[in-house]
Amino acid sequence: MDWLGELKDEISDSIHNALADIVEKALSSGQELLKTGMNNNMDSDTGIFANFLTKHPSEFDATLTGASPPGTLWESMRTLCVDAVVPIAGMIMAVILLYELLQMVADHNNFKDPDLSIIARWSIKVLCGCLVVSKMFDMASAFLAFGSWATNKAIGSVFGLGGDYLSSVAEFHIDATDMTVAELLLDIILSGFLLIIIGAMLVIVIIVLASRMIEVFMYLTASPLPVATMMNRDWGEIGKNWIRNMVALGFQSFFIVIALSIFQTIFTAVLASVAATPAEPAAPAVPPVPGAPPAPAATPNLTLNLILLMGYALALCFTILKSGQISKSIFNAH
């Protein structure tokens, strides 16, 4: 009968080890997916982060082959702005400035009390308005330059020059000695969900960054229109709100980097707890009582850590989705 007990123990140990290996491989796959997705994008000149997060839109090297003449997306949008949007903005500005002139004349009693400085001030406003509207595409890019500079500084400070993400996590080793089969099956399900959430998180990051770049080009291309309204105090709030939105778009990438850095700190701590091999118990400060059983070594709760990892990954997904709203609220844009 002893050999039946030994065989039962061997089968039980084999099942435990097999289930633990599945959990270890799932966690390692999730870690490698996250590291590969983040590190390749940070290091490569053609990655998602390199093109959509750290670069100024003028450095975006996508080429429109159907454009006439063919050129980069930046050059094509600039040509579209100058050829199509600037004339419309000029007409809007002309209407606003004529309205402004009529207001000036009416305020001075219909020229019964003439003041030639009115014409001089109005002429200067017309000249400045024409210069600003005609060159607004290039001037608007300066608002994005501040955000790009701050983002690059943040990435260098948080992730280092190489942009390594989750590089300090050790190799996983799970001790399933005291775990039941039901607990291991639950951990397999949780680790599978965690792997799916990490993949979805990378997809969400790509969607947010790509949609932000599209929104940036839309704001840049239409930049002369809201600026043309700034020539009048009654309509000027349109242009001021556009400026606040441009600054918010420029700094949205900065807030995404902050979210990723906080996530890396918390996620690494939990992964290190999961990956740690239970160590020998430290020597107690108080001498043990003779004859008392030794205190058990503290081991990490794998199920709880997996739930924490899933929660942190979902929290990062929602934070990145709200990064645009957060940036706009900080700069009071709407």
Protein backbone atom coordinates (compact mmCIF):
# COMPACT_ATOMS: atom_id res chain seq x y z
CA MET A 1 0.00 0.00 0.00
CA ASP A 2 2.98 2.30 0.44
CA TRP A 3 3.60 2.36 -3.28
CA LEU A 4 0.00 3.51 -3.87
CA GLY A 5 0.50 6.41 -1.49
CA GLU A 6 3.78 7.34 -3.16
CA LEU A 7 2.16 7.13 -6.60
CA LYS A 8 -0.70 9.34 -5.40
CA ASP A 9 1.78 11.89 -4.05
CA GLU A 10 3.76 11.85 -7.28
CA ILE A 11 0.64 12.39 -9.38
CA SER A 12 -0.50 15.18 -7.08
CA ASP A 13 2.91 16.85 -7.25
CA SER A 14 2.96 16.50 -11.04
CA ILE A 15 -0.47 18.14 -11.35
CA HIS A 16 0.55 20.95 -9.01
CA ASN A 17 3.79 21.56 -10.90
CA ALA A 18 2.06 21.48 -14.28
CA LEU A 19 -0.58 23.97 -13.18
CA ALA A 20 2.06 26.19 -11.58
CA ASP A 21 4.08 26.10 -14.82
CA ILE A 22 1.03 27.28 -16.75
CA VAL A 23 0.61 30.23 -14.39
CA GLU A 24 4.33 31.04 -14.61
CA LYS A 25 4.28 30.94 -18.43
CA ALA A 26 1.16 33.11 -18.60
CA LEU A 27 2.71 35.72 -16.29
CA SER A 28 6.02 35.60 -18.17
CA SER A 29 4.19 36.00 -21.48
CA GLY A 30 2.29 39.02 -20.14
CA GLN A 31 5.49 40.57 -18.81
CA GLU A 32 7.34 39.99 -22.09
CA LEU A 33 4.41 41.34 -24.10
CA LEU A 34 4.38 44.50 -22.00
CA LYS A 35 8.16 44.91 -22.11
CA THR A 36 8.37 44.25 -25.85
CA GLY A 37 5.46 46.53 -26.69
CA MET A 38 6.77 49.39 -24.56
CA ASN A 39 10.52 49.06 -25.12
CA ASN A 40 10.38 48.65 -28.89
CA ASN A 41 8.17 51.72 -29.17
CA MET A 42 10.46 53.78 -26.93
CA ASP A 43 13.74 52.72 -28.53
CA SER A 44 12.78 52.51 -32.19
CA ASP A 45 12.60 55.60 -34.40
CA THR A 46 9.55 54.15 -36.13
CA GLY A 47 7.66 52.95 -33.06
CA ILE A 48 4.29 54.17 -31.87
CA PHE A 49 5.76 56.17 -29.00
CA ALA A 50 8.57 57.58 -31.12
CA ASN A 51 6.18 58.87 -33.79
CA PHE A 52 3.07 59.74 -31.78
CA LEU A 53 4.34 60.56 -28.29
CA THR A 54 7.81 62.12 -28.37
CA LYS A 55 8.11 63.63 -31.83
CA HIS A 56 6.84 67.02 -32.93
CA PRO A 57 4.21 66.66 -35.71
CA SER A 58 6.63 68.28 -38.19
CA GLU A 59 8.93 65.26 -37.67
CA PHE A 60 6.14 62.80 -38.49
CA ASP A 61 7.60 61.10 -41.57
CA ALA A 62 4.43 59.64 -43.11
CA THR A 63 4.35 60.42 -46.82
CA LEU A 64 1.18 61.04 -48.82
CA THR A 65 1.86 59.53 -52.24
CA GLY A 66 -1.45 60.76 -53.63
CA ALA A 67 -0.75 64.41 -52.81
CA SER A 68 0.22 66.85 -55.52
CA PRO A 69 3.14 67.27 -55.24
CA PRO A 70 3.93 64.25 -53.05
CA GLY A 71 5.27 65.19 -49.62
CA THR A 72 5.11 64.48 -45.93
CA LEU A 73 1.86 64.76 -44.02
CA TRP A 74 3.10 67.96 -42.35
CA GLU A 75 3.82 69.63 -45.71
CA SER A 76 0.51 68.49 -47.18
CA MET A 77 -1.50 69.81 -44.20
CA ARG A 78 0.43 73.08 -44.31
CA THR A 79 -0.37 73.47 -48.02
CA LEU A 80 -4.02 72.68 -47.34
CA CYS A 81 -4.11 75.27 -44.57
CA VAL A 82 -2.53 78.01 -46.71
CA ASP A 83 -4.56 77.30 -49.86
CA ALA A 84 -7.99 76.52 -48.40
CA VAL A 85 -8.28 77.69 -44.80
CA VAL A 86 -6.38 81.00 -44.81
CA PRO A 87 -8.66 82.65 -47.44
CA ILE A 88 -11.77 81.69 -45.43
CA ALA A 89 -10.14 82.97 -42.25
CA GLY A 90 -9.31 86.20 -44.09
CA MET A 91 -12.96 86.74 -44.99
CA ILE A 92 -14.01 86.07 -41.39
CA MET A 93 -11.39 88.50 -40.14
CA ALA A 94 -12.54 91.15 -42.65
CA VAL A 95 -16.12 90.92 -41.38
CA ILE A 96 -14.95 91.08 -37.76
CA LEU A 97 -12.65 94.06 -38.39
CA LEU A 98 -15.36 95.99 -40.25
CA TYR A 99 -17.68 95.32 -37.34
CA GLU A 100 -14.92 96.52 -35.01
CA LEU A 101 -14.51 99.73 -37.06
CA LEU A 102 -18.23 100.45 -36.92
CA GLN A 103 -18.16 99.97 -33.15
CA MET A 104 -15.23 102.40 -32.84
CA VAL A 105 -17.06 105.02 -34.92
CA ALA A 106 -20.27 104.59 -32.95
CA ASP A 107 -18.41 104.88 -29.65
CA HIS A 108 -17.06 108.29 -30.70
CA ASN A 109 -20.46 109.77 -31.55
CA ASN A 110 -20.37 108.99 -35.31
CA PHE A 111 -17.28 111.17 -35.93
CA LYS A 112 -18.90 114.32 -34.48
CA ASP A 113 -15.96 114.23 -32.10
CA PRO A 114 -13.29 113.01 -34.57
CA ASP A 115 -10.29 111.08 -33.35
CA LEU A 116 -7.83 110.06 -36.08
CA SER A 117 -6.09 107.68 -33.68
CA ILE A 118 -9.03 105.33 -34.24
CA ILE A 119 -7.98 104.80 -37.85
CA ALA A 120 -4.36 104.33 -36.83
CA ARG A 121 -5.23 101.70 -34.19
CA TRP A 122 -7.60 99.93 -36.57
CA SER A 123 -4.96 99.89 -39.33
CA ILE A 124 -2.38 98.38 -36.98
CA LYS A 125 -4.94 95.74 -35.93
CA VAL A 126 -5.61 94.90 -39.60
CA LEU A 127 -1.89 94.57 -40.33
CA CYS A 128 -1.23 92.37 -37.30
CA GLY A 129 -4.30 90.25 -38.04
CA CYS A 130 -3.19 89.59 -41.62
CA LEU A 131 0.30 88.58 -40.50
CA VAL A 132 -0.96 86.29 -37.75
CA VAL A 133 -3.63 84.57 -39.86
CA SER A 134 -1.29 83.97 -42.81
CA LYS A 135 1.44 82.44 -40.63
CA MET A 136 -0.74 80.77 -38.02
CA PHE A 137 0.06 77.18 -39.02
CA ASP A 138 3.74 77.68 -38.24
CA MET A 139 2.99 79.71 -35.10
CA ALA A 140 0.54 77.09 -33.82
CA SER A 141 3.20 74.40 -33.98
CA ALA A 142 5.07 76.26 -31.24
CA PHE A 143 2.31 75.32 -28.77
CA LEU A 144 3.01 71.65 -29.53
CA ALA A 145 6.77 72.11 -29.24
CA PHE A 146 6.46 72.81 -25.51
CA GLY A 147 4.55 69.56 -24.98
CA SER A 148 7.03 67.53 -27.06
CA TRP A 149 9.96 68.96 -25.14
CA ALA A 150 8.32 68.22 -21.77
CA THR A 151 7.44 64.67 -22.89
CA ASN A 152 10.99 63.88 -23.99
CA LYS A 153 12.35 65.20 -20.70
CA ALA A 154 9.81 63.11 -18.77
CA ILE A 155 10.70 59.90 -20.64
CA GLY A 156 14.41 60.49 -20.08
CA SER A 157 13.86 61.15 -16.37
CA VAL A 158 11.47 58.28 -15.68
CA PHE A 159 12.54 55.49 -18.05
CA GLY A 160 16.14 56.50 -18.74
CA LEU A 161 17.77 57.25 -22.07
CA GLY A 162 17.13 53.70 -23.29
CA GLY A 163 13.48 53.79 -22.30
CA ASP A 164 13.59 50.35 -20.66
CA TYR A 165 10.21 49.30 -19.30
CA LEU A 166 9.82 46.65 -16.58
CA SER A 167 13.49 45.70 -16.90
CA SER A 168 14.10 44.98 -13.20
CA VAL A 169 11.58 42.15 -12.68
CA ALA A 170 13.15 38.79 -11.88
CA GLU A 171 12.22 35.46 -13.44
CA PHE A 172 8.98 34.02 -12.11
CA HIS A 173 8.98 31.08 -9.73
CA ILE A 174 5.75 29.99 -8.05
CA ASP A 175 5.77 27.68 -5.07
CA ALA A 176 2.60 25.58 -5.34
CA THR A 177 3.34 23.32 -2.38
CA ASP A 178 0.59 24.67 -0.14
CA MET A 179 -1.85 25.50 -2.95
CA THR A 180 -4.84 23.37 -3.86
CA VAL A 181 -5.78 22.40 -7.39
CA ALA A 182 -8.80 24.70 -7.24
CA GLU A 183 -6.59 27.65 -6.31
CA LEU A 184 -4.21 26.89 -9.15
CA LEU A 185 -7.08 26.62 -11.65
CA LEU A 186 -8.40 29.98 -10.46
CA ASP A 187 -4.91 31.49 -10.84
CA ILE A 188 -4.69 30.10 -14.38
CA ILE A 189 -7.97 31.83 -15.27
CA LEU A 190 -6.85 35.09 -13.66
CA SER A 191 -3.45 35.03 -15.37
CA GLY A 192 -5.18 34.41 -18.72
CA PHE A 193 -7.44 37.40 -18.15
CA LEU A 194 -4.38 39.46 -17.15
CA LEU A 195 -2.66 38.53 -20.41
CA ILE A 196 -5.74 39.64 -22.37
CA ILE A 197 -5.94 42.92 -20.42
CA ILE A 198 -2.26 43.70 -21.10
CA GLY A 199 -2.83 43.17 -24.83
CA ALA A 200 -5.93 45.36 -24.71
CA MET A 201 -3.97 48.01 -22.80
CA LEU A 202 -1.36 48.20 -25.56
CA VAL A 203 -4.13 48.51 -28.14
CA ILE A 204 -5.73 51.34 -26.14
CA VAL A 205 -2.38 53.17 -25.90
CA ILE A 206 -1.94 52.91 -29.68
CA ILE A 207 -5.51 54.11 -30.34
CA VAL A 208 -5.19 57.10 -27.98
CA LEU A 209 -1.81 58.17 -29.38
CA ALA A 210 -2.86 57.78 -33.02
CA SER A 211 -6.16 59.62 -32.47
CA ARG A 212 -4.30 62.38 -30.64
CA MET A 213 -1.99 62.87 -33.63
CA ILE A 214 -4.98 63.02 -36.00
CA GLU A 215 -6.63 65.60 -33.72
CA VAL A 216 -3.41 67.63 -33.66
CA PHE A 217 -3.31 67.88 -37.45
CA MET A 218 -6.99 68.86 -37.52
CA TYR A 219 -6.39 71.64 -35.01
CA LEU A 220 -3.32 72.82 -36.92
CA THR A 221 -5.00 72.81 -40.32
CA ALA A 222 -7.97 74.85 -39.06
CA SER A 223 -5.81 77.15 -36.89
CA PRO A 224 -6.40 80.39 -38.91
CA LEU A 225 -10.18 80.22 -38.38
CA PRO A 226 -10.35 80.55 -34.56
CA VAL A 227 -7.41 82.98 -34.50
CA ALA A 228 -9.26 85.28 -36.90
CA THR A 229 -11.93 85.79 -34.25
CA MET A 230 -9.40 87.12 -31.72
CA MET A 231 -9.45 90.51 -33.41
CA ASN A 232 -12.70 91.29 -31.57
CA ARG A 233 -13.27 91.19 -27.82
CA ASP A 234 -16.79 89.76 -28.21
CA TRP A 235 -15.70 86.85 -30.40
CA GLY A 236 -12.19 86.48 -29.00
CA GLU A 237 -13.12 83.68 -26.60
CA ILE A 238 -13.22 81.29 -29.59
CA GLY A 239 -9.57 81.91 -30.36
CA LYS A 240 -8.54 81.82 -26.69
CA ASN A 241 -10.25 78.47 -26.21
CA TRP A 242 -8.48 77.13 -29.32
CA ILE A 243 -5.12 78.14 -27.84
CA ARG A 244 -5.95 76.36 -24.60
CA ASN A 245 -6.94 73.22 -26.55
CA MET A 246 -3.67 73.29 -28.49
CA VAL A 247 -1.65 73.52 -25.28
CA ALA A 248 -3.73 70.69 -23.78
CA LEU A 249 -3.07 68.50 -26.83
CA GLY A 250 0.64 69.21 -26.61
CA PHE A 251 0.79 68.21 -22.94
CA GLN A 252 -1.51 65.17 -23.24
CA SER A 253 1.51 63.03 -24.13
CA PHE A 254 3.26 64.34 -21.01
CA PHE A 255 0.39 63.13 -18.82
CA ILE A 256 0.42 59.74 -20.58
CA VAL A 257 4.10 59.35 -19.67
CA ILE A 258 3.27 60.20 -16.04
CA ALA A 259 0.53 57.54 -16.03
CA LEU A 260 2.90 54.95 -17.53
CA SER A 261 5.60 55.74 -14.97
CA ILE A 262 3.20 55.38 -12.03
CA PHE A 263 1.87 52.13 -13.50
CA GLN A 264 5.43 50.81 -13.95
CA THR A 265 6.28 51.50 -10.30
CA ILE A 266 3.17 49.78 -8.92
CA PHE A 267 3.14 46.96 -11.47
CA THR A 268 6.84 46.18 -10.92
CA ALA A 269 6.37 45.96 -7.15
CA VAL A 270 3.53 43.44 -7.50
CA LEU A 271 5.36 41.44 -10.18
CA ALA A 272 8.43 41.29 -7.95
CA SER A 273 6.25 39.92 -5.15
CA VAL A 274 4.83 37.26 -7.47
CA ALA A 275 8.23 36.39 -8.93
CA ALA A 276 10.03 36.17 -5.59
CA THR A 277 11.00 32.74 -4.40
CA PRO A 278 10.01 32.32 -0.75
CA ALA A 279 13.13 33.07 1.25
CA GLU A 280 14.32 31.56 4.48
CA PRO A 281 12.61 33.18 7.48
CA ALA A 282 14.65 35.96 9.03
CA ALA A 283 16.04 35.54 12.52
CA PRO A 284 13.48 36.78 15.04
CA ALA A 285 14.36 39.81 17.12
CA VAL A 286 13.04 38.09 20.27
CA PRO A 287 14.51 34.68 21.18
CA PRO A 288 11.98 31.90 20.55
CA VAL A 289 10.30 30.20 23.43
CA PRO A 290 11.80 26.75 24.03
CA GLY A 291 9.56 24.07 22.65
CA ALA A 292 7.38 26.50 20.61
CA PRO A 293 6.85 25.70 16.90
CA PRO A 294 8.77 27.92 14.42
CA ALA A 295 6.89 30.83 12.88
CA PRO A 296 5.86 30.12 9.26
CA ALA A 297 7.58 32.09 6.49
CA ALA A 298 5.40 34.73 4.90
CA THR A 299 4.56 33.82 1.30
CA PRO A 300 2.85 36.10 -1.20
CA ASN A 301 -0.79 35.47 -1.98
CA LEU A 302 -0.72 34.68 -5.69
CA THR A 303 -4.46 35.06 -6.27
CA LEU A 304 -4.59 38.44 -4.55
CA ASN A 305 -1.55 39.66 -6.50
CA LEU A 306 -3.11 38.58 -9.80
CA ILE A 307 -6.28 40.49 -8.93
CA LEU A 308 -4.16 43.54 -8.08
CA LEU A 309 -2.30 43.30 -11.40
CA MET A 310 -5.59 43.12 -13.30
CA GLY A 311 -6.94 46.11 -11.39
CA TYR A 312 -3.84 48.21 -12.02
CA ALA A 313 -3.85 47.33 -15.74
CA LEU A 314 -7.53 48.28 -16.06
CA ALA A 315 -6.89 51.49 -14.11
CA LEU A 316 -4.12 52.42 -16.56
CA CYS A 317 -6.46 51.75 -19.50
CA PHE A 318 -9.10 54.13 -18.10
CA THR A 319 -6.47 56.74 -17.19
CA ILE A 320 -4.98 56.77 -20.69
CA LEU A 321 -8.46 57.03 -22.19
CA LYS A 322 -9.11 60.04 -19.92
CA SER A 323 -5.69 61.66 -20.51
CA GLY A 324 -7.13 64.11 -23.03
CA GLN A 325 -9.92 65.12 -20.66
CA ILE A 326 -7.44 65.52 -17.79
CA SER A 327 -5.16 67.73 -19.88
CA LYS A 328 -8.05 69.90 -21.03
CA SER A 329 -9.37 70.31 -17.49
CA ILE A 330 -5.94 71.45 -16.29
CA PHE A 331 -5.71 74.12 -19.01
CA ASN A 332 -9.42 75.03 -18.74
CA ALA A 333 -10.10 74.05 -22.35
CA HIS A 334 -13.54 72.94 -23.54
